[in-house]
Amino acid sequence: MSERFVPFGGAGMGSKKVELFAAIRFDWQRHQMPVRSLARKYDVHRRTVRQAIASPLPPDRKVPVRAAPVRETVTGWIDEMLREDLAAPSKQRHTAKRIFERLVDEHDARVSYSAVSKYVHWRRAEIIAGQGRVEAAGVAGFVPQAKEPGAEAEVDFADVFVELAGRLARCYLFGFRLSCSGKGCHRVYASCAQEAFLEGHVAAFEATGGVPWRHLRYDNLSPAVAKVLRGRTRAETGRWLAFRSWYKSVSASSRSSLAGELLLAVS
């Protein structure tokens, strides 16, 4: 009976296909399997096998560009109205509904309201950004961050695939990084149990010379949380409370940051 590939579960968009590509590349590099045999083993097209051999990352999906001949006949008029709004007071600017009504009344346009609304939604932001009004357009920007030495650190505990005895094995990577200096500590464990989570902290504190005096930020703190309560309150496990008490942490007034991370203040 032929072998079939069963992907591991994982977070992130396209994670199963990334694992499929990794398995194909492993067989191709280690066992020198031909393209046809790999396609038969993993039940995929030979084109997919060649893509995996060429790159560990799957190619982006091609989104076909659909023609919109009806909408294209009115885009010039819509753009003109939106440019007029740049100098108009906020309460006098065109809404999508008003633009649609003007197109029908003034130009006898045969276009749907939904098409006009979708076009106005993204085109207005482009026109505003083009005129230098970035603050109103909501375009991408950044906020500079200033970190104090030894004040903060970031912790993550995520899946990682390593080669053990010639085979891919799923392990767990504990990562600890000081926010100011960037100095970090990483440990790989065979399990994501709480013991590994705590041991990773001990190794990180020893490698970096101590405990951050303000707080640690966690992307995933499930090994330390027993129950998510109402609002920002978390019920922490007894072992985690004892661990924090050993390192003189303040008690469990944890809160979520803007990024959705769980912060625990550490003295």
C-alpha atoms as a PDB file:
ATOM      1  CA  MET A   1       0.000   0.000   0.000  1.00  0.00           C
ATOM      2  CA  SER A   2       1.434   3.387  -0.995  1.00  0.00           C
ATOM      3  CA  GLU A   3       2.238   5.970   1.660  1.00  0.00           C
ATOM      4  CA  ARG A   4       0.217   9.156   1.853  1.00  0.00           C
ATOM      5  CA  PHE A   5       1.254  12.405   3.483  1.00  0.00           C
ATOM      6  CA  VAL A   6      -0.795  13.519   6.497  1.00  0.00           C
ATOM      7  CA  PRO A   7       0.122  17.127   7.410  1.00  0.00           C
ATOM      8  CA  PHE A   8       0.550  18.283  10.973  1.00  0.00           C
ATOM      9  CA  GLY A   9      -1.846  20.908  12.265  1.00  0.00           C
ATOM     10  CA  GLY A  10      -0.478  24.369  12.848  1.00  0.00           C
ATOM     11  CA  ALA A  11      -1.263  28.052  13.088  1.00  0.00           C
ATOM     12  CA  GLY A  12      -0.871  30.418  10.240  1.00  0.00           C
ATOM     13  CA  MET A  13      -2.215  30.719   6.727  1.00  0.00           C
ATOM     14  CA  GLY A  14      -1.022  27.940   4.407  1.00  0.00           C
ATOM     15  CA  SER A  15       0.810  26.046   7.178  1.00  0.00           C
ATOM     16  CA  LYS A  16      -0.234  22.613   5.825  1.00  0.00           C
ATOM     17  CA  LYS A  17       1.177  23.373   2.398  1.00  0.00           C
ATOM     18  CA  VAL A  18       4.434  24.596   3.939  1.00  0.00           C
ATOM     19  CA  GLU A  19       4.716  21.263   5.787  1.00  0.00           C
ATOM     20  CA  LEU A  20       3.962  19.415   2.546  1.00  0.00           C
ATOM     21  CA  PHE A  21       6.752  21.306   0.774  1.00  0.00           C
ATOM     22  CA  ALA A  22       9.144  20.526   3.648  1.00  0.00           C
ATOM     23  CA  ALA A  23       8.370  16.807   3.442  1.00  0.00           C
ATOM     24  CA  ILE A  24       8.816  16.757  -0.341  1.00  0.00           C
ATOM     25  CA  ARG A  25      12.132  18.591  -0.120  1.00  0.00           C
ATOM     26  CA  PHE A  26      13.310  16.221   2.594  1.00  0.00           C
ATOM     27  CA  ASP A  27      12.634  13.113   0.456  1.00  0.00           C
ATOM     28  CA  TRP A  28      14.152  14.771  -2.595  1.00  0.00           C
ATOM     29  CA  GLN A  29      17.344  15.854  -0.795  1.00  0.00           C
ATOM     30  CA  ARG A  30      17.929  12.825   1.449  1.00  0.00           C
ATOM     31  CA  HIS A  31      16.541   9.949  -0.590  1.00  0.00           C
ATOM     32  CA  GLN A  32      17.049  11.393  -4.083  1.00  0.00           C
ATOM     33  CA  MET A  33      13.505  10.433  -5.066  1.00  0.00           C
ATOM     34  CA  PRO A  34      12.486  11.416  -8.606  1.00  0.00           C
ATOM     35  CA  VAL A  35       9.705  13.898  -9.304  1.00  0.00           C
ATOM     36  CA  ARG A  36       7.256  11.257 -10.494  1.00  0.00           C
ATOM     37  CA  SER A  37       7.703   9.123  -7.364  1.00  0.00           C
ATOM     38  CA  LEU A  38       7.287  12.139  -5.101  1.00  0.00           C
ATOM     39  CA  ALA A  39       4.092  13.137  -6.893  1.00  0.00           C
ATOM     40  CA  ARG A  40       2.721   9.620  -6.465  1.00  0.00           C
ATOM     41  CA  LYS A  41       3.728   9.400  -2.795  1.00  0.00           C
ATOM     42  CA  TYR A  42       2.176  12.716  -1.772  1.00  0.00           C
ATOM     43  CA  ASP A  43      -0.735  12.525  -4.232  1.00  0.00           C
ATOM     44  CA  VAL A  44       0.037  15.904  -5.841  1.00  0.00           C
ATOM     45  CA  HIS A  45       0.752  17.140  -9.345  1.00  0.00           C
ATOM     46  CA  ARG A  46       4.338  17.011 -10.615  1.00  0.00           C
ATOM     47  CA  ARG A  47       4.172  20.784 -10.960  1.00  0.00           C
ATOM     48  CA  THR A  48       3.681  21.038  -7.180  1.00  0.00           C
ATOM     49  CA  VAL A  49       6.715  18.801  -6.610  1.00  0.00           C
ATOM     50  CA  ARG A  50       8.871  21.019  -8.835  1.00  0.00           C
ATOM     51  CA  GLN A  51       7.667  24.098  -6.928  1.00  0.00           C
ATOM     52  CA  ALA A  52       8.640  22.466  -3.618  1.00  0.00           C
ATOM     53  CA  ILE A  53      12.095  21.572  -4.961  1.00  0.00           C
ATOM     54  CA  ALA A  54      12.636  25.126  -6.203  1.00  0.00           C
ATOM     55  CA  SER A  55      11.551  26.890  -2.998  1.00  0.00           C
ATOM     56  CA  PRO A  56      10.536  25.913   0.577  1.00  0.00           C
ATOM     57  CA  LEU A  57       7.711  28.477   0.445  1.00  0.00           C
ATOM     58  CA  PRO A  58       4.587  27.805  -1.634  1.00  0.00           C
ATOM     59  CA  PRO A  59       3.931  30.383  -4.361  1.00  0.00           C
ATOM     60  CA  ASP A  60       1.209  32.932  -3.799  1.00  0.00           C
ATOM     61  CA  ARG A  61      -2.173  32.144  -5.260  1.00  0.00           C
ATOM     62  CA  LYS A  62      -2.877  33.954  -8.497  1.00  0.00           C
ATOM     63  CA  VAL A  63      -5.980  36.068  -8.190  1.00  0.00           C
ATOM     64  CA  PRO A  64      -7.542  36.657 -11.601  1.00  0.00           C
ATOM     65  CA  VAL A  65      -8.181  40.274 -12.510  1.00  0.00           C
ATOM     66  CA  ARG A  66     -11.828  40.523 -13.395  1.00  0.00           C
ATOM     67  CA  ALA A  67     -12.918  43.096 -15.914  1.00  0.00           C
ATOM     68  CA  ALA A  68     -15.553  45.602 -14.796  1.00  0.00           C
ATOM     69  CA  PRO A  69     -16.646  47.326 -18.013  1.00  0.00           C
ATOM     70  CA  VAL A  70     -19.740  48.924 -16.465  1.00  0.00           C
ATOM     71  CA  ARG A  71     -17.880  50.385 -13.511  1.00  0.00           C
ATOM     72  CA  GLU A  72     -15.013  51.612 -15.671  1.00  0.00           C
ATOM     73  CA  THR A  73     -17.406  53.863 -17.557  1.00  0.00           C
ATOM     74  CA  VAL A  74     -18.141  55.884 -14.402  1.00  0.00           C
ATOM     75  CA  THR A  75     -14.802  55.847 -12.549  1.00  0.00           C
ATOM     76  CA  GLY A  76     -13.762  59.166 -14.061  1.00  0.00           C
ATOM     77  CA  TRP A  77     -16.879  60.898 -12.762  1.00  0.00           C
ATOM     78  CA  ILE A  78     -16.492  59.284  -9.335  1.00  0.00           C
ATOM     79  CA  ASP A  79     -12.845  60.375  -9.086  1.00  0.00           C
ATOM     80  CA  GLU A  80     -13.847  63.932  -9.971  1.00  0.00           C
ATOM     81  CA  MET A  81     -16.413  64.017  -7.158  1.00  0.00           C
ATOM     82  CA  LEU A  82     -13.922  62.584  -4.660  1.00  0.00           C
ATOM     83  CA  ARG A  83     -11.306  65.179  -5.603  1.00  0.00           C
ATOM     84  CA  GLU A  84     -13.877  67.913  -5.077  1.00  0.00           C
ATOM     85  CA  ASP A  85     -14.320  66.587  -1.526  1.00  0.00           C
ATOM     86  CA  LEU A  86     -10.683  67.351  -0.674  1.00  0.00           C
ATOM     87  CA  ALA A  87     -11.517  71.046  -0.321  1.00  0.00           C
ATOM     88  CA  ALA A  88     -15.035  70.575   1.049  1.00  0.00           C
ATOM     89  CA  PRO A  89     -16.022  70.544   4.743  1.00  0.00           C
ATOM     90  CA  SER A  90     -16.355  67.071   6.203  1.00  0.00           C
ATOM     91  CA  LYS A  91     -20.151  67.242   6.445  1.00  0.00           C
ATOM     92  CA  GLN A  92     -20.481  68.292   2.817  1.00  0.00           C
ATOM     93  CA  ARG A  93     -18.434  65.472   1.288  1.00  0.00           C
ATOM     94  CA  HIS A  94     -20.023  62.905  -0.973  1.00  0.00           C
ATOM     95  CA  THR A  95     -21.209  59.652   0.472  1.00  0.00           C
ATOM     96  CA  ALA A  96     -21.336  56.549  -1.702  1.00  0.00           C
ATOM     97  CA  LYS A  97     -25.111  56.871  -1.848  1.00  0.00           C
ATOM     98  CA  ARG A  98     -24.931  60.496  -2.977  1.00  0.00           C
ATOM     99  CA  ILE A  99     -22.366  59.644  -5.656  1.00  0.00           C
ATOM    100  CA  PHE A 100     -24.619  56.858  -6.934  1.00  0.00           C
ATOM    101  CA  GLU A 101     -27.598  59.212  -7.084  1.00  0.00           C
ATOM    102  CA  ARG A 102     -25.615  61.828  -9.012  1.00  0.00           C
ATOM    103  CA  LEU A 103     -24.389  59.214 -11.490  1.00  0.00           C
ATOM    104  CA  VAL A 104     -27.955  58.145 -12.201  1.00  0.00           C
ATOM    105  CA  ASP A 105     -29.471  61.647 -12.301  1.00  0.00           C
ATOM    106  CA  GLU A 106     -26.709  63.554 -14.112  1.00  0.00           C
ATOM    107  CA  HIS A 107     -25.131  60.880 -16.330  1.00  0.00           C
ATOM    108  CA  ASP A 108     -27.925  58.277 -16.635  1.00  0.00           C
ATOM    109  CA  ALA A 109     -25.370  55.656 -15.589  1.00  0.00           C
ATOM    110  CA  ARG A 110     -26.385  51.986 -15.592  1.00  0.00           C
ATOM    111  CA  VAL A 111     -24.333  50.790 -12.655  1.00  0.00           C
ATOM    112  CA  SER A 112     -25.236  49.077  -9.382  1.00  0.00           C
ATOM    113  CA  TYR A 113     -24.982  50.777  -6.012  1.00  0.00           C
ATOM    114  CA  SER A 114     -22.785  47.981  -4.613  1.00  0.00           C
ATOM    115  CA  ALA A 115     -20.203  48.487  -7.374  1.00  0.00           C
ATOM    116  CA  VAL A 116     -20.109  52.233  -6.687  1.00  0.00           C
ATOM    117  CA  SER A 117     -19.867  51.716  -2.917  1.00  0.00           C
ATOM    118  CA  LYS A 118     -16.956  49.261  -3.170  1.00  0.00           C
ATOM    119  CA  TYR A 119     -15.047  51.510  -5.559  1.00  0.00           C
ATOM    120  CA  VAL A 120     -15.571  54.624  -3.408  1.00  0.00           C
ATOM    121  CA  HIS A 121     -14.449  52.757  -0.276  1.00  0.00           C
ATOM    122  CA  TRP A 122     -10.883  52.142  -1.484  1.00  0.00           C
ATOM    123  CA  ARG A 123     -10.535  54.899  -4.074  1.00  0.00           C
ATOM    124  CA  ARG A 124     -11.261  57.697  -1.605  1.00  0.00           C
ATOM    125  CA  ALA A 125      -8.314  56.617   0.569  1.00  0.00           C
ATOM    126  CA  GLU A 126      -5.997  56.554  -2.462  1.00  0.00           C
ATOM    127  CA  ILE A 127      -6.982  60.076  -3.528  1.00  0.00           C
ATOM    128  CA  ILE A 128      -6.571  61.482  -0.011  1.00  0.00           C
ATOM    129  CA  ALA A 129      -3.169  59.824   0.378  1.00  0.00           C
ATOM    130  CA  GLY A 130      -2.121  61.157  -3.007  1.00  0.00           C
ATOM    131  CA  GLN A 131      -2.841  64.687  -1.815  1.00  0.00           C
ATOM    132  CA  GLY A 132      -0.612  64.286   1.235  1.00  0.00           C
ATOM    133  CA  ARG A 133      -3.429  63.789   3.753  1.00  0.00           C
ATOM    134  CA  VAL A 134      -1.996  60.613   5.223  1.00  0.00           C
ATOM    135  CA  GLU A 135      -3.556  61.122   8.619  1.00  0.00           C
ATOM    136  CA  ALA A 136      -7.051  60.947   7.161  1.00  0.00           C
ATOM    137  CA  ALA A 137      -6.374  58.135   4.733  1.00  0.00           C
ATOM    138  CA  GLY A 138      -5.443  55.528   7.327  1.00  0.00           C
ATOM    139  CA  VAL A 139      -2.456  54.291   5.347  1.00  0.00           C
ATOM    140  CA  ALA A 140       0.256  52.159   6.908  1.00  0.00           C
ATOM    141  CA  GLY A 141       2.631  53.899   9.318  1.00  0.00           C
ATOM    142  CA  PHE A 142       4.763  53.146  12.344  1.00  0.00           C
ATOM    143  CA  VAL A 143       5.210  54.216  15.951  1.00  0.00           C
ATOM    144  CA  PRO A 144       8.818  54.522  17.157  1.00  0.00           C
ATOM    145  CA  GLN A 145       9.550  52.599  20.335  1.00  0.00           C
ATOM    146  CA  ALA A 146      12.052  53.480  23.032  1.00  0.00           C
ATOM    147  CA  LYS A 147      12.981  50.656  25.395  1.00  0.00           C
ATOM    148  CA  GLU A 148      14.871  50.955  28.655  1.00  0.00           C
ATOM    149  CA  PRO A 149      17.786  48.583  29.316  1.00  0.00           C
ATOM    150  CA  GLY A 150      16.733  45.516  31.274  1.00  0.00           C
ATOM    151  CA  ALA A 151      13.109  46.641  31.571  1.00  0.00           C
ATOM    152  CA  GLU A 152      11.201  44.392  29.211  1.00  0.00           C
ATOM    153  CA  ALA A 153      11.478  41.084  27.414  1.00  0.00           C
ATOM    154  CA  GLU A 154       9.377  39.078  24.987  1.00  0.00           C
ATOM    155  CA  VAL A 155       8.661  35.358  25.330  1.00  0.00           C
ATOM    156  CA  ASP A 156       7.233  32.942  22.780  1.00  0.00           C
ATOM    157  CA  PHE A 157       6.687  29.169  22.842  1.00  0.00           C
ATOM    158  CA  ALA A 158       5.911  27.861  19.364  1.00  0.00           C
ATOM    159  CA  ASP A 159       6.162  24.810  17.111  1.00  0.00           C
ATOM    160  CA  VAL A 160       9.349  24.046  15.214  1.00  0.00           C
ATOM    161  CA  PHE A 161      10.336  21.128  12.980  1.00  0.00           C
ATOM    162  CA  VAL A 162      13.827  19.662  13.339  1.00  0.00           C
ATOM    163  CA  GLU A 163      15.631  16.717  11.788  1.00  0.00           C
ATOM    164  CA  LEU A 164      16.200  13.867  14.251  1.00  0.00           C
ATOM    165  CA  ALA A 165      17.762  10.598  13.138  1.00  0.00           C
ATOM    166  CA  GLY A 166      17.060  11.447   9.523  1.00  0.00           C
ATOM    167  CA  ARG A 167      13.375  12.256  10.041  1.00  0.00           C
ATOM    168  CA  LEU A 168      11.392  15.435  10.588  1.00  0.00           C
ATOM    169  CA  ALA A 169      10.151  15.746  14.151  1.00  0.00           C
ATOM    170  CA  ARG A 170       7.813  18.293  15.662  1.00  0.00           C
ATOM    171  CA  CYS A 171       9.376  20.041  18.658  1.00  0.00           C
ATOM    172  CA  TYR A 172       8.748  23.254  20.569  1.00  0.00           C
ATOM    173  CA  LEU A 173      10.970  26.341  20.598  1.00  0.00           C
ATOM    174  CA  PHE A 174      11.146  28.545  23.679  1.00  0.00           C
ATOM    175  CA  GLY A 175      12.318  32.021  22.713  1.00  0.00           C
ATOM    176  CA  PHE A 176      13.283  34.832  25.106  1.00  0.00           C
ATOM    177  CA  ARG A 177      14.468  38.244  23.867  1.00  0.00           C
ATOM    178  CA  LEU A 178      15.299  41.454  25.720  1.00  0.00           C
ATOM    179  CA  SER A 179      13.456  44.350  24.076  1.00  0.00           C
ATOM    180  CA  CYS A 180      16.255  46.918  24.352  1.00  0.00           C
ATOM    181  CA  SER A 181      19.479  45.043  23.596  1.00  0.00           C
ATOM    182  CA  GLY A 182      17.976  42.219  21.563  1.00  0.00           C
ATOM    183  CA  LYS A 183      19.951  39.657  23.553  1.00  0.00           C
ATOM    184  CA  GLY A 184      18.062  36.392  23.602  1.00  0.00           C
ATOM    185  CA  CYS A 185      17.980  32.787  24.657  1.00  0.00           C
ATOM    186  CA  HIS A 186      16.426  29.866  22.767  1.00  0.00           C
ATOM    187  CA  ARG A 187      15.762  26.294  23.840  1.00  0.00           C
ATOM    188  CA  VAL A 188      14.182  23.418  21.901  1.00  0.00           C
ATOM    189  CA  TYR A 189      12.029  20.884  23.774  1.00  0.00           C
ATOM    190  CA  ALA A 190      10.281  17.688  22.749  1.00  0.00           C
ATOM    191  CA  SER A 191       7.149  18.706  24.666  1.00  0.00           C
ATOM    192  CA  CYS A 192       5.208  21.899  25.296  1.00  0.00           C
ATOM    193  CA  ALA A 193       4.472  20.882  28.888  1.00  0.00           C
ATOM    194  CA  GLN A 194       4.662  23.376  31.707  1.00  0.00           C
ATOM    195  CA  GLU A 195       7.973  21.905  32.913  1.00  0.00           C
ATOM    196  CA  ALA A 196       9.632  22.847  29.617  1.00  0.00           C
ATOM    197  CA  PHE A 197       8.054  26.297  29.759  1.00  0.00           C
ATOM    198  CA  LEU A 198       9.445  26.975  33.233  1.00  0.00           C
ATOM    199  CA  GLU A 199      12.857  25.481  32.449  1.00  0.00           C
ATOM    200  CA  GLY A 200      13.102  27.819  29.467  1.00  0.00           C
ATOM    201  CA  HIS A 201      12.599  30.812  31.765  1.00  0.00           C
ATOM    202  CA  VAL A 202      15.324  29.614  34.135  1.00  0.00           C
ATOM    203  CA  ALA A 203      17.781  29.165  31.250  1.00  0.00           C
ATOM    204  CA  ALA A 204      16.890  32.590  29.839  1.00  0.00           C
ATOM    205  CA  PHE A 205      17.310  34.384  33.167  1.00  0.00           C
ATOM    206  CA  GLU A 206      20.718  32.759  33.633  1.00  0.00           C
ATOM    207  CA  ALA A 207      21.823  33.593  30.069  1.00  0.00           C
ATOM    208  CA  THR A 208      20.746  37.249  30.236  1.00  0.00           C
ATOM    209  CA  GLY A 209      21.902  37.885  33.803  1.00  0.00           C
ATOM    210  CA  GLY A 210      18.611  38.355  35.627  1.00  0.00           C
ATOM    211  CA  VAL A 211      14.879  39.046  35.449  1.00  0.00           C
ATOM    212  CA  PRO A 212      13.524  42.108  33.578  1.00  0.00           C
ATOM    213  CA  TRP A 213      12.513  44.623  36.203  1.00  0.00           C
ATOM    214  CA  ARG A 214       9.323  45.881  34.529  1.00  0.00           C
ATOM    215  CA  HIS A 215       7.500  43.039  32.766  1.00  0.00           C
ATOM    216  CA  LEU A 216       7.581  40.169  30.308  1.00  0.00           C
ATOM    217  CA  ARG A 217       5.324  40.070  27.258  1.00  0.00           C
ATOM    218  CA  TYR A 218       3.858  36.756  26.150  1.00  0.00           C
ATOM    219  CA  ASP A 219       2.302  35.874  22.831  1.00  0.00           C
ATOM    220  CA  ASN A 220       1.011  32.573  24.201  1.00  0.00           C
ATOM    221  CA  LEU A 221       0.832  31.929  27.945  1.00  0.00           C
ATOM    222  CA  SER A 222      -1.447  28.876  27.953  1.00  0.00           C
ATOM    223  CA  PRO A 223       1.008  26.770  30.064  1.00  0.00           C
ATOM    224  CA  ALA A 224       0.614  29.326  32.872  1.00  0.00           C
ATOM    225  CA  VAL A 225      -3.110  30.126  32.629  1.00  0.00           C
ATOM    226  CA  ALA A 226      -5.646  27.808  34.205  1.00  0.00           C
ATOM    227  CA  LYS A 227      -8.742  29.747  33.154  1.00  0.00           C
ATOM    228  CA  VAL A 228      -9.614  32.926  31.254  1.00  0.00           C
ATOM    229  CA  LEU A 229     -11.989  34.955  33.398  1.00  0.00           C
ATOM    230  CA  ARG A 230     -14.063  37.997  32.623  1.00  0.00           C
ATOM    231  CA  GLY A 231     -12.381  40.927  30.927  1.00  0.00           C
ATOM    232  CA  ARG A 232      -8.618  41.017  31.379  1.00  0.00           C
ATOM    233  CA  THR A 233      -8.514  38.764  34.432  1.00  0.00           C
ATOM    234  CA  ARG A 234      -6.688  35.432  34.235  1.00  0.00           C
ATOM    235  CA  ALA A 235      -6.621  32.565  36.744  1.00  0.00           C
ATOM    236  CA  GLU A 236      -3.025  31.351  36.806  1.00  0.00           C
ATOM    237  CA  THR A 237      -1.912  27.831  37.647  1.00  0.00           C
ATOM    238  CA  GLY A 238      -0.489  27.085  41.076  1.00  0.00           C
ATOM    239  CA  ARG A 239       2.901  26.039  39.731  1.00  0.00           C
ATOM    240  CA  TRP A 240       3.224  29.268  37.724  1.00  0.00           C
ATOM    241  CA  LEU A 241       2.294  31.342  40.777  1.00  0.00           C
ATOM    242  CA  ALA A 242       4.949  29.556  42.807  1.00  0.00           C
ATOM    243  CA  PHE A 243       7.480  30.083  40.027  1.00  0.00           C
ATOM    244  CA  ARG A 244       6.780  33.817  39.845  1.00  0.00           C
ATOM    245  CA  SER A 245       6.883  34.091  43.608  1.00  0.00           C
ATOM    246  CA  TRP A 246      10.359  32.528  43.598  1.00  0.00           C
ATOM    247  CA  TYR A 247      11.547  35.261  41.220  1.00  0.00           C
ATOM    248  CA  LYS A 248       9.741  37.942  43.262  1.00  0.00           C
ATOM    249  CA  SER A 249       7.062  38.701  40.684  1.00  0.00           C
ATOM    250  CA  VAL A 250       4.061  40.749  41.636  1.00  0.00           C
ATOM    251  CA  SER A 251       0.737  38.902  41.783  1.00  0.00           C
ATOM    252  CA  ALA A 252      -1.578  38.108  38.943  1.00  0.00           C
ATOM    253  CA  SER A 253      -2.817  41.517  37.762  1.00  0.00           C
ATOM    254  CA  SER A 254      -2.207  40.643  34.129  1.00  0.00           C
ATOM    255  CA  ARG A 255      -3.564  42.729  31.301  1.00  0.00           C
ATOM    256  CA  SER A 256      -3.720  42.511  27.527  1.00  0.00           C
ATOM    257  CA  SER A 257      -1.708  44.894  25.367  1.00  0.00           C
ATOM    258  CA  LEU A 258      -2.864  46.444  22.099  1.00  0.00           C
ATOM    259  CA  ALA A 259      -1.300  43.510  20.248  1.00  0.00           C
ATOM    260  CA  GLY A 260      -3.321  40.981  22.232  1.00  0.00           C
ATOM    261  CA  GLU A 261      -0.331  39.814  24.271  1.00  0.00           C
ATOM    262  CA  LEU A 262      -0.577  38.952  27.943  1.00  0.00           C
ATOM    263  CA  LEU A 263       1.625  41.121  30.157  1.00  0.00           C
ATOM    264  CA  LEU A 264       2.803  40.061  33.595  1.00  0.00           C
ATOM    265  CA  ALA A 265       4.618  42.680  35.598  1.00  0.00           C
ATOM    266  CA  VAL A 266       7.886  41.450  37.055  1.00  0.00           C
ATOM    267  CA  SER A 267       9.798  43.319  39.747  1.00  0.00           C
END
